[in-house]
């Protein structure tokens, strides 16, 4: 199943490193959360993500549930992808995620 959306790239500052994410909109996340699949640690969902021409396999992780709207997930965006696509924090990003179902 494929999901496409636009969202800003944001940075989370950790003690040892910065992490970069894009938030999957709650409306789409609600659909993702309802799909039958094998449960993984932390509620992770395996996906193949595409930004620009860069495609990679990763997981999305539940962030928060918005009552009446759905479940937000976060997609980690690794440095290789950010460099290849010239992404900066707060830049709007077009994302395609394909769920990897068992």
N, C-alpha and C. Protein backbone atom coordinates (compact mmCIF):
# COMPACT_ATOMS: atom_id res chain seq x y z
N UNK A 1 0.84 -1.16 0.00
CA UNK A 1 0.00 0.00 0.00
C UNK A 1 0.89 1.24 0.00
N UNK A 2 0.52 2.23 -0.80
CA UNK A 2 1.33 3.44 -0.98
C UNK A 2 0.64 4.66 -0.38
N UNK A 3 1.47 5.51 0.26
CA UNK A 3 0.99 6.78 0.83
C UNK A 3 1.93 7.88 0.36
N UNK A 4 1.36 9.01 -0.06
CA UNK A 4 2.15 10.15 -0.51
C UNK A 4 1.70 11.40 0.25
N UNK A 5 2.67 12.24 0.61
CA UNK A 5 2.34 13.46 1.35
C UNK A 5 3.50 14.44 1.29
N UNK A 6 3.21 15.68 1.64
CA UNK A 6 4.22 16.73 1.78
C UNK A 6 4.28 17.12 3.25
N UNK A 7 5.48 17.30 3.76
CA UNK A 7 5.65 17.69 5.16
C UNK A 7 7.05 18.28 5.34
N UNK A 8 7.22 19.14 6.35
CA UNK A 8 8.55 19.72 6.57
C UNK A 8 9.51 18.72 7.25
N UNK A 9 10.78 18.83 6.89
CA UNK A 9 11.84 18.09 7.56
C UNK A 9 12.14 18.82 8.87
N UNK A 10 12.21 18.08 9.97
CA UNK A 10 12.51 18.73 11.25
C UNK A 10 13.61 17.98 11.98
N UNK A 11 14.28 18.72 12.85
CA UNK A 11 15.44 18.19 13.58
C UNK A 11 15.09 17.98 15.05
N UNK A 12 15.52 16.83 15.57
CA UNK A 12 15.41 16.55 17.00
C UNK A 12 16.83 16.48 17.53
N UNK A 13 17.12 17.34 18.48
CA UNK A 13 18.47 17.39 19.03
C UNK A 13 18.59 16.42 20.19
N UNK A 14 19.53 15.50 20.07
CA UNK A 14 19.81 14.54 21.14
C UNK A 14 21.17 14.89 21.74
N UNK A 15 21.49 14.25 22.84
CA UNK A 15 22.77 14.55 23.50
C UNK A 15 23.97 14.21 22.63
N UNK A 16 23.90 13.13 21.89
CA UNK A 16 25.07 12.70 21.13
C UNK A 16 24.98 12.99 19.64
N UNK A 17 23.79 13.25 19.13
CA UNK A 17 23.63 13.48 17.69
C UNK A 17 22.28 14.12 17.42
N UNK A 18 22.17 14.73 16.26
CA UNK A 18 20.88 15.24 15.83
C UNK A 18 20.22 14.21 14.92
N UNK A 19 18.92 14.09 15.03
CA UNK A 19 18.14 13.18 14.20
C UNK A 19 17.16 14.02 13.40
N UNK A 20 16.88 13.59 12.20
CA UNK A 20 15.97 14.33 11.31
C UNK A 20 14.79 13.44 10.95
N UNK A 21 13.61 14.07 10.92
CA UNK A 21 12.37 13.33 10.69
C UNK A 21 11.43 14.12 9.80
N UNK A 22 10.48 13.41 9.23
CA UNK A 22 9.31 13.97 8.59
C UNK A 22 8.13 13.29 9.27
N UNK A 23 7.11 14.07 9.62
CA UNK A 23 5.93 13.51 10.29
C UNK A 23 4.90 13.10 9.26
N UNK A 24 4.47 11.84 9.34
CA UNK A 24 3.38 11.33 8.50
C UNK A 24 2.08 11.92 9.05
N UNK A 25 1.30 12.61 8.21
CA UNK A 25 0.06 13.22 8.71
C UNK A 25 -0.86 12.20 9.39
N UNK A 26 -1.51 12.65 10.46
CA UNK A 26 -2.37 11.77 11.26
C UNK A 26 -3.47 11.11 10.43
N UNK A 27 -3.98 11.82 9.43
CA UNK A 27 -5.04 11.24 8.60
C UNK A 27 -4.54 9.99 7.88
N UNK A 28 -3.33 10.04 7.36
CA UNK A 28 -2.74 8.87 6.70
C UNK A 28 -2.32 7.83 7.73
N UNK A 29 -1.75 8.31 8.83
CA UNK A 29 -1.31 7.40 9.89
C UNK A 29 -2.45 6.58 10.46
N UNK A 30 -3.64 7.18 10.53
CA UNK A 30 -4.81 6.43 10.99
C UNK A 30 -5.09 5.24 10.09
N UNK A 31 -4.96 5.44 8.77
CA UNK A 31 -5.14 4.33 7.82
C UNK A 31 -4.05 3.29 8.00
N UNK A 32 -2.82 3.74 8.20
CA UNK A 32 -1.70 2.81 8.40
C UNK A 32 -1.91 1.99 9.67
N UNK A 33 -2.32 2.64 10.75
CA UNK A 33 -2.49 1.96 12.04
C UNK A 33 -3.56 0.88 11.98
N UNK A 34 -4.54 1.05 11.10
CA UNK A 34 -5.64 0.08 11.01
C UNK A 34 -5.31 -1.14 10.16
N UNK A 35 -4.24 -1.10 9.39
CA UNK A 35 -3.91 -2.22 8.51
C UNK A 35 -3.40 -3.41 9.32
N UNK A 36 -3.88 -4.61 8.98
CA UNK A 36 -3.37 -5.79 9.69
C UNK A 36 -1.91 -6.04 9.27
N UNK A 37 -1.07 -6.22 10.25
CA UNK A 37 0.34 -6.50 10.00
C UNK A 37 0.97 -7.08 11.25
N UNK A 38 2.15 -7.63 11.08
CA UNK A 38 2.88 -8.16 12.21
C UNK A 38 3.39 -6.98 13.05
N UNK A 39 3.14 -7.01 14.35
CA UNK A 39 3.57 -5.92 15.23
C UNK A 39 5.07 -6.01 15.45
N UNK A 40 5.73 -4.85 15.46
CA UNK A 40 7.16 -4.76 15.66
C UNK A 40 7.44 -3.92 16.89
N UNK A 41 8.67 -3.92 17.34
CA UNK A 41 9.04 -3.15 18.52
C UNK A 41 8.68 -1.68 18.40
N UNK A 42 8.22 -1.10 19.49
CA UNK A 42 7.85 0.32 19.57
C UNK A 42 6.70 0.69 18.63
N UNK A 43 5.98 -0.31 18.11
CA UNK A 43 4.89 -0.03 17.18
C UNK A 43 5.37 0.34 15.79
N UNK A 44 6.64 0.04 15.49
CA UNK A 44 7.23 0.39 14.20
C UNK A 44 6.53 -0.32 13.05
N UNK A 45 6.53 0.34 11.90
CA UNK A 45 5.96 -0.21 10.68
C UNK A 45 7.05 -0.15 9.61
N UNK A 46 7.38 -1.30 9.02
CA UNK A 46 8.42 -1.34 7.98
C UNK A 46 7.89 -0.71 6.70
N UNK A 47 8.75 0.15 6.10
CA UNK A 47 8.37 0.84 4.87
C UNK A 47 9.56 0.94 3.92
N UNK A 48 9.25 1.20 2.67
CA UNK A 48 10.24 1.69 1.72
C UNK A 48 9.86 3.14 1.47
N UNK A 49 10.77 4.04 1.72
CA UNK A 49 10.50 5.47 1.60
C UNK A 49 11.22 6.03 0.38
N UNK A 50 10.60 7.03 -0.24
CA UNK A 50 11.20 7.72 -1.38
C UNK A 50 11.06 9.22 -1.18
N UNK A 51 12.18 9.92 -1.30
CA UNK A 51 12.20 11.38 -1.35
C UNK A 51 13.02 11.73 -2.58
N UNK A 52 12.43 12.47 -3.49
CA UNK A 52 13.12 12.78 -4.74
C UNK A 52 13.39 11.49 -5.50
N UNK A 53 14.67 11.25 -5.82
CA UNK A 53 15.03 10.02 -6.52
C UNK A 53 15.66 9.00 -5.58
N UNK A 54 15.71 9.34 -4.29
CA UNK A 54 16.35 8.46 -3.31
C UNK A 54 15.31 7.58 -2.64
N UNK A 55 15.57 6.27 -2.66
CA UNK A 55 14.66 5.29 -2.08
C UNK A 55 15.45 4.44 -1.08
N UNK A 56 14.86 4.17 0.10
CA UNK A 56 15.53 3.36 1.11
C UNK A 56 14.51 2.63 1.95
N UNK A 57 14.96 1.58 2.62
CA UNK A 57 14.11 0.79 3.49
C UNK A 57 14.37 1.20 4.93
N UNK A 58 13.29 1.43 5.69
CA UNK A 58 13.38 1.88 7.07
C UNK A 58 12.09 1.52 7.78
N UNK A 59 11.84 2.14 8.90
CA UNK A 59 10.58 1.98 9.62
C UNK A 59 10.05 3.35 10.00
N UNK A 60 8.73 3.44 10.13
CA UNK A 60 8.12 4.62 10.70
C UNK A 60 7.69 4.26 12.12
N UNK A 61 7.66 5.26 13.01
CA UNK A 61 7.39 5.00 14.42
C UNK A 61 6.22 5.87 14.89
N UNK A 62 5.32 5.30 15.69
CA UNK A 62 4.19 6.10 16.17
C UNK A 62 4.68 7.24 17.04
N UNK A 63 4.10 8.42 16.82
CA UNK A 63 4.48 9.61 17.57
C UNK A 63 3.38 9.97 18.58
N UNK A 64 2.21 10.27 18.08
CA UNK A 64 1.10 10.60 18.96
C UNK A 64 -0.20 10.35 18.22
N UNK A 65 -1.23 10.08 18.99
CA UNK A 65 -2.56 9.90 18.40
C UNK A 65 -3.35 11.18 18.61
N UNK A 66 -4.00 11.62 17.55
CA UNK A 66 -4.84 12.82 17.61
C UNK A 66 -6.29 12.35 17.58
N UNK A 67 -7.00 12.47 18.71
CA UNK A 67 -8.38 11.97 18.77
C UNK A 67 -9.24 12.53 17.64
N UNK A 68 -9.97 11.64 17.00
CA UNK A 68 -10.86 12.01 15.92
C UNK A 68 -10.17 12.24 14.59
N UNK A 69 -8.84 12.17 14.58
CA UNK A 69 -8.09 12.41 13.33
C UNK A 69 -7.31 11.17 12.94
N UNK A 70 -6.42 10.71 13.81
CA UNK A 70 -5.62 9.53 13.49
C UNK A 70 -4.30 9.51 14.24
N UNK A 71 -3.44 8.64 13.80
CA UNK A 71 -2.15 8.38 14.43
C UNK A 71 -1.03 9.03 13.64
N UNK A 72 -0.24 9.90 14.26
CA UNK A 72 0.95 10.43 13.61
C UNK A 72 2.07 9.41 13.74
N UNK A 73 2.86 9.29 12.68
CA UNK A 73 4.09 8.50 12.68
C UNK A 73 5.22 9.44 12.29
N UNK A 74 6.44 9.08 12.66
CA UNK A 74 7.61 9.83 12.20
C UNK A 74 8.48 8.93 11.34
N UNK A 75 8.99 9.51 10.28
CA UNK A 75 9.89 8.84 9.35
C UNK A 75 11.28 9.41 9.54
N UNK A 76 12.24 8.60 10.01
CA UNK A 76 13.61 9.11 10.12
C UNK A 76 14.22 9.29 8.73
N UNK A 77 14.92 10.42 8.54
CA UNK A 77 15.55 10.70 7.25
C UNK A 77 17.06 10.76 7.49
N UNK A 78 17.75 9.73 7.02
CA UNK A 78 19.18 9.64 7.30
C UNK A 78 19.99 10.63 6.49
N UNK A 79 21.21 10.86 6.94
CA UNK A 79 22.10 11.86 6.34
C UNK A 79 22.31 11.63 4.86
N UNK A 80 22.49 10.37 4.46
CA UNK A 80 22.72 10.06 3.04
C UNK A 80 21.58 10.61 2.18
N UNK A 81 20.36 10.49 2.67
CA UNK A 81 19.19 10.98 1.92
C UNK A 81 19.19 12.50 1.90
N UNK A 82 19.43 13.12 3.06
CA UNK A 82 19.42 14.58 3.14
C UNK A 82 20.47 15.20 2.22
N UNK A 83 21.67 14.60 2.19
CA UNK A 83 22.74 15.11 1.34
C UNK A 83 22.39 14.88 -0.14
N UNK A 84 21.96 13.68 -0.49
CA UNK A 84 21.64 13.35 -1.88
C UNK A 84 20.54 14.25 -2.44
N UNK A 85 19.59 14.62 -1.60
CA UNK A 85 18.44 15.42 -2.05
C UNK A 85 18.58 16.91 -1.71
N UNK A 86 19.69 17.30 -1.07
CA UNK A 86 19.92 18.69 -0.74
C UNK A 86 18.91 19.25 0.25
N UNK A 87 18.52 18.46 1.23
CA UNK A 87 17.47 18.86 2.18
C UNK A 87 18.04 19.62 3.37
N UNK A 88 17.34 20.65 3.77
CA UNK A 88 17.67 21.44 4.95
C UNK A 88 16.48 21.37 5.91
N UNK A 89 16.72 21.52 7.23
CA UNK A 89 15.61 21.54 8.18
C UNK A 89 14.57 22.60 7.79
N UNK A 90 13.32 22.26 8.01
CA UNK A 90 12.15 23.09 7.71
C UNK A 90 11.77 23.11 6.24
N UNK A 91 12.57 22.45 5.39
CA UNK A 91 12.21 22.38 3.97
C UNK A 91 11.01 21.45 3.80
N UNK A 92 10.06 21.85 2.95
CA UNK A 92 8.96 20.95 2.64
C UNK A 92 9.48 19.83 1.76
N UNK A 93 9.06 18.62 2.09
CA UNK A 93 9.55 17.43 1.42
C UNK A 93 8.37 16.63 0.89
N UNK A 94 8.46 16.17 -0.35
CA UNK A 94 7.47 15.25 -0.92
C UNK A 94 7.94 13.85 -0.60
N UNK A 95 7.09 13.09 0.10
CA UNK A 95 7.46 11.76 0.57
C UNK A 95 6.49 10.72 0.01
N UNK A 96 7.04 9.60 -0.41
CA UNK A 96 6.24 8.44 -0.78
C UNK A 96 6.68 7.30 0.11
N UNK A 97 5.73 6.66 0.80
CA UNK A 97 6.08 5.48 1.58
C UNK A 97 5.22 4.32 1.11
N UNK A 98 5.88 3.19 0.93
CA UNK A 98 5.22 1.93 0.60
C UNK A 98 5.38 1.01 1.79
N UNK A 99 4.27 0.51 2.31
CA UNK A 99 4.35 -0.41 3.44
C UNK A 99 4.95 -1.72 3.00
N UNK A 100 5.81 -2.29 3.83
CA UNK A 100 6.41 -3.59 3.58
C UNK A 100 5.62 -4.58 4.43
N UNK A 101 4.72 -5.28 3.78
CA UNK A 101 3.87 -6.21 4.50
C UNK A 101 4.43 -7.62 4.40
N UNK A 102 4.22 -8.41 5.45
CA UNK A 102 4.76 -9.79 5.43
C UNK A 102 4.08 -10.65 4.40
